Amino acid sequence: MEQLTNKEEEVMQSLWKLEKAFVKEVVADLGNSNHYNTVSTIIRNMEDKGYVSHVAFGNTHQYFPVISKEEYTEKYMNRATKRYFDNSYKSMVSFFAREEKISAEELREILEIIENKQ
């Protein structure tokens, strides 16, 4: 499955939140700075990529996600971990710790989650 662009991800976030929507509803959710025709084109491109499908109501379409947010997140994170961290989650977490994007308290919470799963 082809990766989404940043703008496509923004539209996809809206569709995940709305669950099913007409283009005008997505435009409203994203804010008025997005033009109807642009959002419509983005959604059709996402449909071509296999992320979105639709139900036709006459000449208008109601769109819905085909992939869940969780599935996409897993694919994206696996790809990012492989590409930027040599497929090492340890390297990824170390990176965030060095960049001060994660606190020691958050790391302790993560350890607790890991230990409770075993």
PDB file of N, CA and C in Angstrom:
ATOM      1  N   MET A   1       0.847  -1.174   0.000  1.00  0.00           N
ATOM      2  CA  MET A   1       0.000   0.000   0.000  1.00  0.00           C
ATOM      3  C   MET A   1       0.897   1.243   0.000  1.00  0.00           C
ATOM      4  N   GLU A   2       0.637   2.131  -0.915  1.00  0.00           N
ATOM      5  CA  GLU A   2       1.423   3.351  -1.063  1.00  0.00           C
ATOM      6  C   GLU A   2       1.227   4.280   0.143  1.00  0.00           C
ATOM      7  N   GLN A   3       2.317   4.916   0.578  1.00  0.00           N
ATOM      8  CA  GLN A   3       2.259   5.811   1.736  1.00  0.00           C
ATOM      9  C   GLN A   3       1.447   7.068   1.407  1.00  0.00           C
ATOM     10  N   LEU A   4       0.771   7.593   2.405  1.00  0.00           N
ATOM     11  CA  LEU A   4      -0.004   8.819   2.243  1.00  0.00           C
ATOM     12  C   LEU A   4       0.901  10.035   2.333  1.00  0.00           C
ATOM     13  N   THR A   5       0.542  11.087   1.576  1.00  0.00           N
ATOM     14  CA  THR A   5       1.232  12.361   1.703  1.00  0.00           C
ATOM     15  C   THR A   5       0.763  13.044   2.988  1.00  0.00           C
ATOM     16  N   ASN A   6       1.417  14.121   3.379  1.00  0.00           N
ATOM     17  CA  ASN A   6       1.010  14.853   4.581  1.00  0.00           C
ATOM     18  C   ASN A   6      -0.431  15.345   4.473  1.00  0.00           C
ATOM     19  N   LYS A   7      -0.811  15.887   3.334  1.00  0.00           N
ATOM     20  CA  LYS A   7      -2.174  16.396   3.148  1.00  0.00           C
ATOM     21  C   LYS A   7      -3.177  15.239   3.184  1.00  0.00           C
ATOM     22  N   GLU A   8      -2.822  14.109   2.563  1.00  0.00           N
ATOM     23  CA  GLU A   8      -3.688  12.937   2.608  1.00  0.00           C
ATOM     24  C   GLU A   8      -3.862  12.440   4.042  1.00  0.00           C
ATOM     25  N   GLU A   9      -2.778  12.449   4.817  1.00  0.00           N
ATOM     26  CA  GLU A   9      -2.881  12.033   6.217  1.00  0.00           C
ATOM     27  C   GLU A   9      -3.818  12.950   6.995  1.00  0.00           C
ATOM     28  N   GLU A  10      -3.768  14.241   6.702  1.00  0.00           N
ATOM     29  CA  GLU A  10      -4.657  15.197   7.358  1.00  0.00           C
ATOM     30  C   GLU A  10      -6.124  14.871   7.042  1.00  0.00           C
ATOM     31  N   VAL A  11      -6.407  14.587   5.773  1.00  0.00           N
ATOM     32  CA  VAL A  11      -7.770  14.219   5.370  1.00  0.00           C
ATOM     33  C   VAL A  11      -8.153  12.878   5.987  1.00  0.00           C
ATOM     34  N   MET A  12      -7.212  11.945   6.032  1.00  0.00           N
ATOM     35  CA  MET A  12      -7.484  10.631   6.605  1.00  0.00           C
ATOM     36  C   MET A  12      -7.814  10.754   8.084  1.00  0.00           C
ATOM     37  N   GLN A  13      -7.102  11.628   8.801  1.00  0.00           N
ATOM     38  CA  GLN A  13      -7.399  11.860  10.221  1.00  0.00           C
ATOM     39  C   GLN A  13      -8.856  12.302  10.381  1.00  0.00           C
ATOM     40  N   SER A  14      -9.306  13.165   9.484  1.00  0.00           N
ATOM     41  CA  SER A  14     -10.691  13.634   9.522  1.00  0.00           C
ATOM     42  C   SER A  14     -11.658  12.480   9.272  1.00  0.00           C
ATOM     43  N   LEU A  15     -11.360  11.638   8.284  1.00  0.00           N
ATOM     44  CA  LEU A  15     -12.241  10.506   7.983  1.00  0.00           C
ATOM     45  C   LEU A  15     -12.269   9.498   9.132  1.00  0.00           C
ATOM     46  N   TRP A  16     -11.141   9.271   9.774  1.00  0.00           N
ATOM     47  CA  TRP A  16     -11.139   8.374  10.929  1.00  0.00           C
ATOM     48  C   TRP A  16     -12.028   8.932  12.028  1.00  0.00           C
ATOM     49  N   LYS A  17     -11.960  10.236  12.228  1.00  0.00           N
ATOM     50  CA  LYS A  17     -12.759  10.866  13.272  1.00  0.00           C
ATOM     51  C   LYS A  17     -14.245  10.823  12.917  1.00  0.00           C
ATOM     52  N   LEU A  18     -14.573  11.144  11.673  1.00  0.00           N
ATOM     53  CA  LEU A  18     -15.972  11.203  11.246  1.00  0.00           C
ATOM     54  C   LEU A  18     -16.567   9.821  10.961  1.00  0.00           C
ATOM     55  N   GLU A  19     -15.701   8.850  10.661  1.00  0.00           N
ATOM     56  CA  GLU A  19     -16.055   7.461  10.329  1.00  0.00           C
ATOM     57  C   GLU A  19     -16.637   7.302   8.928  1.00  0.00           C
ATOM     58  N   LYS A  20     -17.532   8.184   8.513  1.00  0.00           N
ATOM     59  CA  LYS A  20     -18.020   8.223   7.134  1.00  0.00           C
ATOM     60  C   LYS A  20     -18.480   9.655   6.895  1.00  0.00           C
ATOM     61  N   ALA A  21     -18.208  10.145   5.673  1.00  0.00           N
ATOM     62  CA  ALA A  21     -18.509  11.559   5.443  1.00  0.00           C
ATOM     63  C   ALA A  21     -18.546  11.873   3.958  1.00  0.00           C
ATOM     64  N   PHE A  22     -19.338  12.878   3.640  1.00  0.00           N
ATOM     65  CA  PHE A  22     -19.324  13.476   2.311  1.00  0.00           C
ATOM     66  C   PHE A  22     -18.176  14.483   2.280  1.00  0.00           C
ATOM     67  N   VAL A  23     -17.714  14.832   1.098  1.00  0.00           N
ATOM     68  CA  VAL A  23     -16.587  15.760   0.963  1.00  0.00           C
ATOM     69  C   VAL A  23     -16.859  17.050   1.730  1.00  0.00           C
ATOM     70  N   LYS A  24     -18.074  17.581   1.628  1.00  0.00           N
ATOM     71  CA  LYS A  24     -18.383  18.854   2.317  1.00  0.00           C
ATOM     72  C   LYS A  24     -18.217  18.724   3.824  1.00  0.00           C
ATOM     73  N   GLU A  25     -18.470  17.544   4.386  1.00  0.00           N
ATOM     74  CA  GLU A  25     -18.291  17.330   5.824  1.00  0.00           C
ATOM     75  C   GLU A  25     -16.810  17.282   6.195  1.00  0.00           C
ATOM     76  N   VAL A  26     -16.014  16.697   5.317  1.00  0.00           N
ATOM     77  CA  VAL A  26     -14.562  16.661   5.547  1.00  0.00           C
ATOM     78  C   VAL A  26     -14.013  18.084   5.465  1.00  0.00           C
ATOM     79  N   VAL A  27     -14.444  18.844   4.461  1.00  0.00           N
ATOM     80  CA  VAL A  27     -14.008  20.236   4.314  1.00  0.00           C
ATOM     81  C   VAL A  27     -14.344  21.019   5.585  1.00  0.00           C
ATOM     82  N   ALA A  28     -15.557  20.852   6.089  1.00  0.00           N
ATOM     83  CA  ALA A  28     -15.978  21.554   7.308  1.00  0.00           C
ATOM     84  C   ALA A  28     -15.123  21.133   8.498  1.00  0.00           C
ATOM     85  N   ASP A  29     -14.814  19.850   8.605  1.00  0.00           N
ATOM     86  CA  ASP A  29     -14.004  19.356   9.713  1.00  0.00           C
ATOM     87  C   ASP A  29     -12.583  19.897   9.656  1.00  0.00           C
ATOM     88  N   LEU A  30     -12.043  20.012   8.445  1.00  0.00           N
ATOM     89  CA  LEU A  30     -10.676  20.493   8.276  1.00  0.00           C
ATOM     90  C   LEU A  30     -10.563  22.003   8.449  1.00  0.00           C
ATOM     91  N   GLY A  31     -11.661  22.711   8.277  1.00  0.00           N
ATOM     92  CA  GLY A  31     -11.631  24.171   8.341  1.00  0.00           C
ATOM     93  C   GLY A  31     -11.788  24.754   6.955  1.00  0.00           C
ATOM     94  N   ASN A  32     -12.241  25.958   6.905  1.00  0.00           N
ATOM     95  CA  ASN A  32     -12.589  26.585   5.630  1.00  0.00           C
ATOM     96  C   ASN A  32     -11.407  26.943   4.749  1.00  0.00           C
ATOM     97  N   SER A  33     -10.181  26.736   5.216  1.00  0.00           N
ATOM     98  CA  SER A  33      -9.015  27.039   4.383  1.00  0.00           C
ATOM     99  C   SER A  33      -8.794  25.984   3.297  1.00  0.00           C
ATOM    100  N   ASN A  34      -9.570  24.904   3.361  1.00  0.00           N
ATOM    101  CA  ASN A  34      -9.446  23.832   2.372  1.00  0.00           C
ATOM    102  C   ASN A  34     -10.576  23.941   1.356  1.00  0.00           C
ATOM    103  N   HIS A  35     -10.212  23.951   0.092  1.00  0.00           N
ATOM    104  CA  HIS A  35     -11.190  24.087  -0.986  1.00  0.00           C
ATOM    105  C   HIS A  35     -11.852  22.739  -1.275  1.00  0.00           C
ATOM    106  N   TYR A  36     -13.130  22.757  -1.538  1.00  0.00           N
ATOM    107  CA  TYR A  36     -13.916  21.547  -1.801  1.00  0.00           C
ATOM    108  C   TYR A  36     -13.264  20.682  -2.877  1.00  0.00           C
ATOM    109  N   ASN A  37     -12.917  21.287  -4.022  1.00  0.00           N
ATOM    110  CA  ASN A  37     -12.351  20.506  -5.140  1.00  0.00           C
ATOM    111  C   ASN A  37     -11.018  19.860  -4.758  1.00  0.00           C
ATOM    112  N   THR A  38     -10.216  20.570  -3.963  1.00  0.00           N
ATOM    113  CA  THR A  38      -8.930  20.021  -3.530  1.00  0.00           C
ATOM    114  C   THR A  38      -9.143  18.802  -2.642  1.00  0.00           C
ATOM    115  N   VAL A  39     -10.034  18.927  -1.668  1.00  0.00           N
ATOM    116  CA  VAL A  39     -10.310  17.809  -0.758  1.00  0.00           C
ATOM    117  C   VAL A  39     -10.909  16.636  -1.526  1.00  0.00           C
ATOM    118  N   SER A  40     -11.787  16.925  -2.472  1.00  0.00           N
ATOM    119  CA  SER A  40     -12.390  15.871  -3.294  1.00  0.00           C
ATOM    120  C   SER A  40     -11.314  15.105  -4.070  1.00  0.00           C
ATOM    121  N   THR A  41     -10.376  15.834  -4.654  1.00  0.00           N
ATOM    122  CA  THR A  41      -9.279  15.196  -5.403  1.00  0.00           C
ATOM    123  C   THR A  41      -8.412  14.349  -4.477  1.00  0.00           C
ATOM    124  N   ILE A  42      -8.103  14.876  -3.310  1.00  0.00           N
ATOM    125  CA  ILE A  42      -7.283  14.135  -2.339  1.00  0.00           C
ATOM    126  C   ILE A  42      -7.978  12.832  -1.948  1.00  0.00           C
ATOM    127  N   ILE A  43      -9.272  12.909  -1.671  1.00  0.00           N
ATOM    128  CA  ILE A  43     -10.011  11.711  -1.269  1.00  0.00           C
ATOM    129  C   ILE A  43     -10.042  10.687  -2.404  1.00  0.00           C
ATOM    130  N   ARG A  44     -10.239  11.133  -3.634  1.00  0.00           N
ATOM    131  CA  ARG A  44     -10.234  10.194  -4.769  1.00  0.00           C
ATOM    132  C   ARG A  44      -8.860   9.541  -4.938  1.00  0.00           C
ATOM    133  N   ASN A  45      -7.790  10.310  -4.720  1.00  0.00           N
ATOM    134  CA  ASN A  45      -6.439   9.737  -4.776  1.00  0.00           C
ATOM    135  C   ASN A  45      -6.243   8.692  -3.675  1.00  0.00           C
ATOM    136  N   MET A  46      -6.777   8.978  -2.491  1.00  0.00           N
ATOM    137  CA  MET A  46      -6.679   8.022  -1.386  1.00  0.00           C
ATOM    138  C   MET A  46      -7.482   6.762  -1.697  1.00  0.00           C
ATOM    139  N   GLU A  47      -8.579   6.933  -2.406  1.00  0.00           N
ATOM    140  CA  GLU A  47      -9.370   5.771  -2.811  1.00  0.00           C
ATOM    141  C   GLU A  47      -8.575   4.928  -3.809  1.00  0.00           C
ATOM    142  N   ASP A  48      -7.882   5.583  -4.748  1.00  0.00           N
ATOM    143  CA  ASP A  48      -7.038   4.862  -5.710  1.00  0.00           C
ATOM    144  C   ASP A  48      -5.919   4.094  -5.006  1.00  0.00           C
ATOM    145  N   LYS A  49      -5.421   4.634  -3.897  1.00  0.00           N
ATOM    146  CA  LYS A  49      -4.358   3.995  -3.131  1.00  0.00           C
ATOM    147  C   LYS A  49      -4.891   2.872  -2.235  1.00  0.00           C
ATOM    148  N   GLY A  50      -6.220   2.767  -2.081  1.00  0.00           N
ATOM    149  CA  GLY A  50      -6.805   1.692  -1.290  1.00  0.00           C
ATOM    150  C   GLY A  50      -7.079   2.022   0.162  1.00  0.00           C
ATOM    151  N   TYR A  51      -6.997   3.293   0.532  1.00  0.00           N
ATOM    152  CA  TYR A  51      -7.232   3.691   1.922  1.00  0.00           C
ATOM    153  C   TYR A  51      -8.688   4.036   2.202  1.00  0.00           C
ATOM    154  N   VAL A  52      -9.429   4.392   1.171  1.00  0.00           N
ATOM    155  CA  VAL A  52     -10.785   4.909   1.311  1.00  0.00           C
ATOM    156  C   VAL A  52     -11.677   4.230   0.283  1.00  0.00           C
ATOM    157  N   SER A  53     -12.943   4.078   0.620  1.00  0.00           N
ATOM    158  CA  SER A  53     -13.941   3.608  -0.332  1.00  0.00           C
ATOM    159  C   SER A  53     -15.161   4.512  -0.189  1.00  0.00           C
ATOM    160  N   HIS A  54     -16.202   4.235  -0.986  1.00  0.00           N
ATOM    161  CA  HIS A  54     -17.374   5.104  -0.917  1.00  0.00           C
ATOM    162  C   HIS A  54     -18.659   4.333  -1.186  1.00  0.00           C
ATOM    163  N   VAL A  55     -19.743   4.959  -0.778  1.00  0.00           N
ATOM    164  CA  VAL A  55     -21.089   4.512  -1.122  1.00  0.00           C
ATOM    165  C   VAL A  55     -21.695   5.648  -1.932  1.00  0.00           C
ATOM    166  N   ALA A  56     -22.249   5.316  -3.091  1.00  0.00           N
ATOM    167  CA  ALA A  56     -22.828   6.347  -3.956  1.00  0.00           C
ATOM    168  C   ALA A  56     -24.270   6.638  -3.561  1.00  0.00           C
ATOM    169  N   PHE A  57     -24.588   7.912  -3.528  1.00  0.00           N
ATOM    170  CA  PHE A  57     -25.955   8.398  -3.333  1.00  0.00           C
ATOM    171  C   PHE A  57     -26.241   9.321  -4.506  1.00  0.00           C
ATOM    172  N   GLY A  58     -26.712   8.743  -5.601  1.00  0.00           N
ATOM    173  CA  GLY A  58     -26.895   9.539  -6.816  1.00  0.00           C
ATOM    174  C   GLY A  58     -25.542   9.986  -7.337  1.00  0.00           C
ATOM    175  N   ASN A  59     -25.384  11.288  -7.507  1.00  0.00           N
ATOM    176  CA  ASN A  59     -24.117  11.837  -8.012  1.00  0.00           C
ATOM    177  C   ASN A  59     -23.110  12.160  -6.922  1.00  0.00           C
ATOM    178  N   THR A  60     -23.475  11.976  -5.676  1.00  0.00           N
ATOM    179  CA  THR A  60     -22.566  12.285  -4.575  1.00  0.00           C
ATOM    180  C   THR A  60     -22.117  10.999  -3.891  1.00  0.00           C
ATOM    181  N   HIS A  61     -20.961  11.069  -3.261  1.00  0.00           N
ATOM    182  CA  HIS A  61     -20.376   9.894  -2.618  1.00  0.00           C
ATOM    183  C   HIS A  61     -20.128  10.163  -1.147  1.00  0.00           C
ATOM    184  N   GLN A  62     -20.425   9.153  -0.335  1.00  0.00           N
ATOM    185  CA  GLN A  62     -20.074   9.196   1.076  1.00  0.00           C
ATOM    186  C   GLN A  62     -18.857   8.288   1.250  1.00  0.00           C
ATOM    187  N   TYR A  63     -17.779   8.861   1.767  1.00  0.00           N
ATOM    188  CA  TYR A  63     -16.510   8.142   1.872  1.00  0.00           C
ATOM    189  C   TYR A  63     -16.309   7.605   3.284  1.00  0.00           C
ATOM    190  N   PHE A  64     -15.546   6.520   3.349  1.00  0.00           N
ATOM    191  CA  PHE A  64     -15.216   5.923   4.643  1.00  0.00           C
ATOM    192  C   PHE A  64     -13.840   5.261   4.551  1.00  0.00           C
ATOM    193  N   PRO A  65     -13.114   5.208   5.675  1.00  0.00           N
ATOM    194  CA  PRO A  65     -11.788   4.582   5.685  1.00  0.00           C
ATOM    195  C   PRO A  65     -11.887   3.070   5.490  1.00  0.00           C
ATOM    196  N   VAL A  66     -10.958   2.523   4.758  1.00  0.00           N
ATOM    197  CA  VAL A  66     -10.874   1.075   4.569  1.00  0.00           C
ATOM    198  C   VAL A  66      -9.856   0.500   5.555  1.00  0.00           C
ATOM    199  N   ILE A  67      -8.900   1.313   5.953  1.00  0.00           N
ATOM    200  CA  ILE A  67      -7.873   0.901   6.904  1.00  0.00           C
ATOM    201  C   ILE A  67      -8.087   1.683   8.199  1.00  0.00           C
ATOM    202  N   SER A  68      -7.934   1.016   9.326  1.00  0.00           N
ATOM    203  CA  SER A  68      -8.123   1.689  10.613  1.00  0.00           C
ATOM    204  C   SER A  68      -6.900   2.546  10.931  1.00  0.00           C
ATOM    205  N   LYS A  69      -7.110   3.482  11.830  1.00  0.00           N
ATOM    206  CA  LYS A  69      -6.006   4.339  12.274  1.00  0.00           C
ATOM    207  C   LYS A  69      -4.905   3.490  12.896  1.00  0.00           C
ATOM    208  N   GLU A  70      -5.282   2.466  13.642  1.00  0.00           N
ATOM    209  CA  GLU A  70      -4.308   1.590  14.293  1.00  0.00           C
ATOM    210  C   GLU A  70      -3.475   0.833  13.260  1.00  0.00           C
ATOM    211  N   GLU A  71      -4.133   0.302  12.209  1.00  0.00           N
ATOM    212  CA  GLU A  71      -3.404  -0.419  11.158  1.00  0.00           C
ATOM    213  C   GLU A  71      -2.418   0.500  10.457  1.00  0.00           C
ATOM    214  N   TYR A  72      -2.864   1.721  10.137  1.00  0.00           N
ATOM    215  CA  TYR A  72      -1.988   2.672   9.447  1.00  0.00           C
ATOM    216  C   TYR A  72      -0.818   3.059  10.344  1.00  0.00           C
ATOM    217  N   THR A  73      -1.106   3.311  11.614  1.00  0.00           N
ATOM    218  CA  THR A  73      -0.050   3.694  12.557  1.00  0.00           C
ATOM    219  C   THR A  73       1.000   2.595  12.645  1.00  0.00           C
ATOM    220  N   GLU A  74       0.550   1.345  12.725  1.00  0.00           N
ATOM    221  CA  GLU A  74       1.498   0.232  12.801  1.00  0.00           C
ATOM    222  C   GLU A  74       2.374   0.164  11.553  1.00  0.00           C
ATOM    223  N   LYS A  75       1.768   0.273  10.380  1.00  0.00           N
ATOM    224  CA  LYS A  75       2.543   0.233   9.130  1.00  0.00           C
ATOM    225  C   LYS A  75       3.525   1.390   9.060  1.00  0.00           C
ATOM    226  N   TYR A  76       3.041   2.599   9.420  1.00  0.00           N
ATOM    227  CA  TYR A  76       3.878   3.792   9.345  1.00  0.00           C
ATOM    228  C   TYR A  76       5.044   3.697  10.324  1.00  0.00           C
ATOM    229  N   MET A  77       4.759   3.277  11.552  1.00  0.00           N
ATOM    230  CA  MET A  77       5.814   3.181  12.562  1.00  0.00           C
ATOM    231  C   MET A  77       6.825   2.097  12.203  1.00  0.00           C
ATOM    232  N   ASN A  78       6.356   0.975  11.687  1.00  0.00           N
ATOM    233  CA  ASN A  78       7.279  -0.075  11.264  1.00  0.00           C
ATOM    234  C   ASN A  78       8.185   0.431  10.150  1.00  0.00           C
ATOM    235  N   ARG A  79       7.613   1.156   9.195  1.00  0.00           N
ATOM    236  CA  ARG A  79       8.388   1.697   8.076  1.00  0.00           C
ATOM    237  C   ARG A  79       9.400   2.729   8.584  1.00  0.00           C
ATOM    238  N   ALA A  80       8.966   3.628   9.466  1.00  0.00           N
ATOM    239  CA  ALA A  80       9.857   4.656   9.997  1.00  0.00           C
ATOM    240  C   ALA A  80      10.976   4.038  10.834  1.00  0.00           C
ATOM    241  N   THR A  81      10.632   3.040  11.644  1.00  0.00           N
ATOM    242  CA  THR A  81      11.635   2.382  12.479  1.00  0.00           C
ATOM    243  C   THR A  81      12.679   1.693  11.605  1.00  0.00           C
ATOM    244  N   LYS A  82      12.221   1.040  10.554  1.00  0.00           N
ATOM    245  CA  LYS A  82      13.142   0.352   9.636  1.00  0.00           C
ATOM    246  C   LYS A  82      14.020   1.355   8.896  1.00  0.00           C
ATOM    247  N   ARG A  83      13.400   2.423   8.409  1.00  0.00           N
ATOM    248  CA  ARG A  83      14.108   3.395   7.575  1.00  0.00           C
ATOM    249  C   ARG A  83      15.082   4.262   8.368  1.00  0.00           C
ATOM    250  N   TYR A  84      14.684   4.725   9.550  1.00  0.00           N
ATOM    251  CA  TYR A  84      15.477   5.716  10.276  1.00  0.00           C
ATOM    252  C   TYR A  84      16.226   5.171  11.484  1.00  0.00           C
ATOM    253  N   PHE A  85      15.850   3.996  11.971  1.00  0.00           N
ATOM    254  CA  PHE A  85      16.452   3.484  13.202  1.00  0.00           C
ATOM    255  C   PHE A  85      16.976   2.060  13.035  1.00  0.00           C
ATOM    256  N   ASP A  86      17.323   1.665  11.813  1.00  0.00           N
ATOM    257  CA  ASP A  86      17.875   0.334  11.529  1.00  0.00           C
ATOM    258  C   ASP A  86      17.027  -0.773  12.135  1.00  0.00           C
ATOM    259  N   ASN A  87      15.703  -0.581  12.093  1.00  0.00           N
ATOM    260  CA  ASN A  87      14.735  -1.564  12.578  1.00  0.00           C
ATOM    261  C   ASN A  87      14.874  -1.833  14.078  1.00  0.00           C
ATOM    262  N   SER A  88      15.379  -0.831  14.823  1.00  0.00           N
ATOM    263  CA  SER A  88      15.597  -0.991  16.261  1.00  0.00           C
ATOM    264  C   SER A  88      14.691  -0.031  17.025  1.00  0.00           C
ATOM    265  N   TYR A  89      13.743  -0.597  17.774  1.00  0.00           N
ATOM    266  CA  TYR A  89      12.878   0.233  18.600  1.00  0.00           C
ATOM    267  C   TYR A  89      13.677   0.848  19.745  1.00  0.00           C
ATOM    268  N   LYS A  90      14.713   0.157  20.196  1.00  0.00           N
ATOM    269  CA  LYS A  90      15.594   0.705  21.229  1.00  0.00           C
ATOM    270  C   LYS A  90      16.240   1.987  20.717  1.00  0.00           C
ATOM    271  N   SER A  91      16.727   1.970  19.484  1.00  0.00           N
ATOM    272  CA  SER A  91      17.333   3.170  18.897  1.00  0.00           C
ATOM    273  C   SER A  91      16.311   4.290  18.767  1.00  0.00           C
ATOM    274  N   MET A  92      15.078   3.929  18.413  1.00  0.00           N
ATOM    275  CA  MET A  92      14.034   4.933  18.264  1.00  0.00           C
ATOM    276  C   MET A  92      13.727   5.589  19.620  1.00  0.00           C
ATOM    277  N   VAL A  93      13.543   4.785  20.654  1.00  0.00           N
ATOM    278  CA  VAL A  93      13.244   5.329  21.979  1.00  0.00           C
ATOM    279  C   VAL A  93      14.429   6.158  22.478  1.00  0.00           C
ATOM    280  N   SER A  94      15.654   5.690  22.246  1.00  0.00           N
ATOM    281  CA  SER A  94      16.853   6.438  22.647  1.00  0.00           C
ATOM    282  C   SER A  94      16.899   7.796  21.950  1.00  0.00           C
ATOM    283  N   PHE A  95      16.538   7.819  20.691  1.00  0.00           N
ATOM    284  CA  PHE A  95      16.489   9.072  19.942  1.00  0.00           C
ATOM    285  C   PHE A  95      15.539  10.061  20.607  1.00  0.00           C
ATOM    286  N   PHE A  96      14.318   9.606  20.926  1.00  0.00           N
ATOM    287  CA  PHE A  96      13.338  10.490  21.551  1.00  0.00           C
ATOM    288  C   PHE A  96      13.808  10.943  22.934  1.00  0.00           C
ATOM    289  N   ALA A  97      14.492  10.077  23.650  1.00  0.00           N
ATOM    290  CA  ALA A  97      15.012  10.456  24.963  1.00  0.00           C
ATOM    291  C   ALA A  97      16.093  11.529  24.819  1.00  0.00           C
ATOM    292  N   ARG A  98      17.014  11.349  23.864  1.00  0.00           N
ATOM    293  CA  ARG A  98      18.071  12.332  23.640  1.00  0.00           C
ATOM    294  C   ARG A  98      17.494  13.677  23.193  1.00  0.00           C
ATOM    295  N   GLU A  99      16.450  13.632  22.402  1.00  0.00           N
ATOM    296  CA  GLU A  99      15.820  14.859  21.905  1.00  0.00           C
ATOM    297  C   GLU A  99      14.861  15.466  22.927  1.00  0.00           C
ATOM    298  N   GLU A 100      14.787  14.832  24.105  1.00  0.00           N
ATOM    299  CA  GLU A 100      13.920  15.273  25.192  1.00  0.00           C
ATOM    300  C   GLU A 100      12.451  15.318  24.769  1.00  0.00           C
ATOM    301  N   LYS A 101      12.051  14.352  23.954  1.00  0.00           N
ATOM    302  CA  LYS A 101      10.657  14.208  23.517  1.00  0.00           C
ATOM    303  C   LYS A 101       9.910  13.229  24.419  1.00  0.00           C
ATOM    304  N   ILE A 102      10.665  12.530  25.279  1.00  0.00           N
ATOM    305  CA  ILE A 102      10.061  11.579  26.210  1.00  0.00           C
ATOM    306  C   ILE A 102      10.780  11.727  27.552  1.00  0.00           C
ATOM    307  N   SER A 103      10.007  11.731  28.608  1.00  0.00           N
ATOM    308  CA  SER A 103      10.582  11.930  29.940  1.00  0.00           C
ATOM    309  C   SER A 103      10.918  10.595  30.598  1.00  0.00           C
ATOM    310  N   ALA A 104      11.695  10.682  31.669  1.00  0.00           N
ATOM    311  CA  ALA A 104      12.029   9.486  32.443  1.00  0.00           C
ATOM    312  C   ALA A 104      10.759   8.866  33.011  1.00  0.00           C
ATOM    313  N   GLU A 105       9.828   9.706  33.442  1.00  0.00           N
ATOM    314  CA  GLU A 105       8.559   9.203  33.971  1.00  0.00           C
ATOM    315  C   GLU A 105       7.793   8.433  32.888  1.00  0.00           C
ATOM    316  N   GLU A 106       7.772   8.961  31.677  1.00  0.00           N
ATOM    317  CA  GLU A 106       7.091   8.261  30.580  1.00  0.00           C
ATOM    318  C   GLU A 106       7.783   6.945  30.259  1.00  0.00           C
ATOM    319  N   LEU A 107       9.117   6.929  30.331  1.00  0.00           N
ATOM    320  CA  LEU A 107       9.850   5.684  30.105  1.00  0.00           C
ATOM    321  C   LEU A 107       9.513   4.652  31.186  1.00  0.00           C
ATOM    322  N   ARG A 108       9.382   5.112  32.436  1.00  0.00           N
ATOM    323  CA  ARG A 108       8.989   4.196  33.505  1.00  0.00           C
ATOM    324  C   ARG A 108       7.589   3.621  33.249  1.00  0.00           C
ATOM    325  N   GLU A 109       6.685   4.457  32.747  1.00  0.00           N
ATOM    326  CA  GLU A 109       5.336   3.988  32.411  1.00  0.00           C
ATOM    327  C   GLU A 109       5.388   2.940  31.299  1.00  0.00           C
ATOM    328  N   ILE A 110       6.255   3.167  30.318  1.00  0.00           N
ATOM    329  CA  ILE A 110       6.415   2.203  29.224  1.00  0.00           C
ATOM    330  C   ILE A 110       6.958   0.882  29.762  1.00  0.00           C
ATOM    331  N   LEU A 111       7.959   0.955  30.651  1.00  0.00           N
ATOM    332  CA  LEU A 111       8.505  -0.265  31.271  1.00  0.00           C
ATOM    333  C   LEU A 111       7.430  -1.019  32.036  1.00  0.00           C
ATOM    334  N   GLU A 112       6.588  -0.286  32.736  1.00  0.00           N
ATOM    335  CA  GLU A 112       5.501  -0.919  33.479  1.00  0.00           C
ATOM    336  C   GLU A 112       4.542  -1.646  32.534  1.00  0.00           C
ATOM    337  N   ILE A 113       4.230  -1.019  31.407  1.00  0.00           N
ATOM    338  CA  ILE A 113       3.367  -1.664  30.404  1.00  0.00           C
ATOM    339  C   ILE A 113       4.004  -2.943  29.905  1.00  0.00           C
ATOM    340  N   ILE A 114       5.306  -2.876  29.594  1.00  0.00           N
ATOM    341  CA  ILE A 114       6.021  -4.055  29.082  1.00  0.00           C
ATOM    342  C   ILE A 114       6.035  -5.157  30.129  1.00  0.00           C
ATOM    343  N   GLU A 115       6.356  -4.802  31.363  1.00  0.00           N
ATOM    344  CA  GLU A 115       6.448  -5.816  32.424  1.00  0.00           C
ATOM    345  C   GLU A 115       5.085  -6.431  32.728  1.00  0.00           C
ATOM    346  N   ASN A 116       4.010  -5.678  32.646  1.00  0.00           N
ATOM    347  CA  ASN A 116       2.682  -6.209  32.933  1.00  0.00           C
ATOM    348  C   ASN A 116       2.156  -7.104  31.810  1.00  0.00           C
ATOM    349  N   LYS A 117       2.725  -7.008  30.616  1.00  0.00           N
ATOM    350  CA  LYS A 117       2.292  -7.848  29.499  1.00  0.00           C
ATOM    351  C   LYS A 117       2.910  -9.244  29.582  1.00  0.00           C
ATOM    352  N   GLN A 118       3.979  -9.377  30.356  1.00  0.00           N
ATOM    353  CA  GLN A 118       4.684 -10.662  30.418  1.00  0.00           C
ATOM    354  C   GLN A 118       4.071 -11.589  31.404  1.00  0.00           C
TER     355      GLN A 118
END
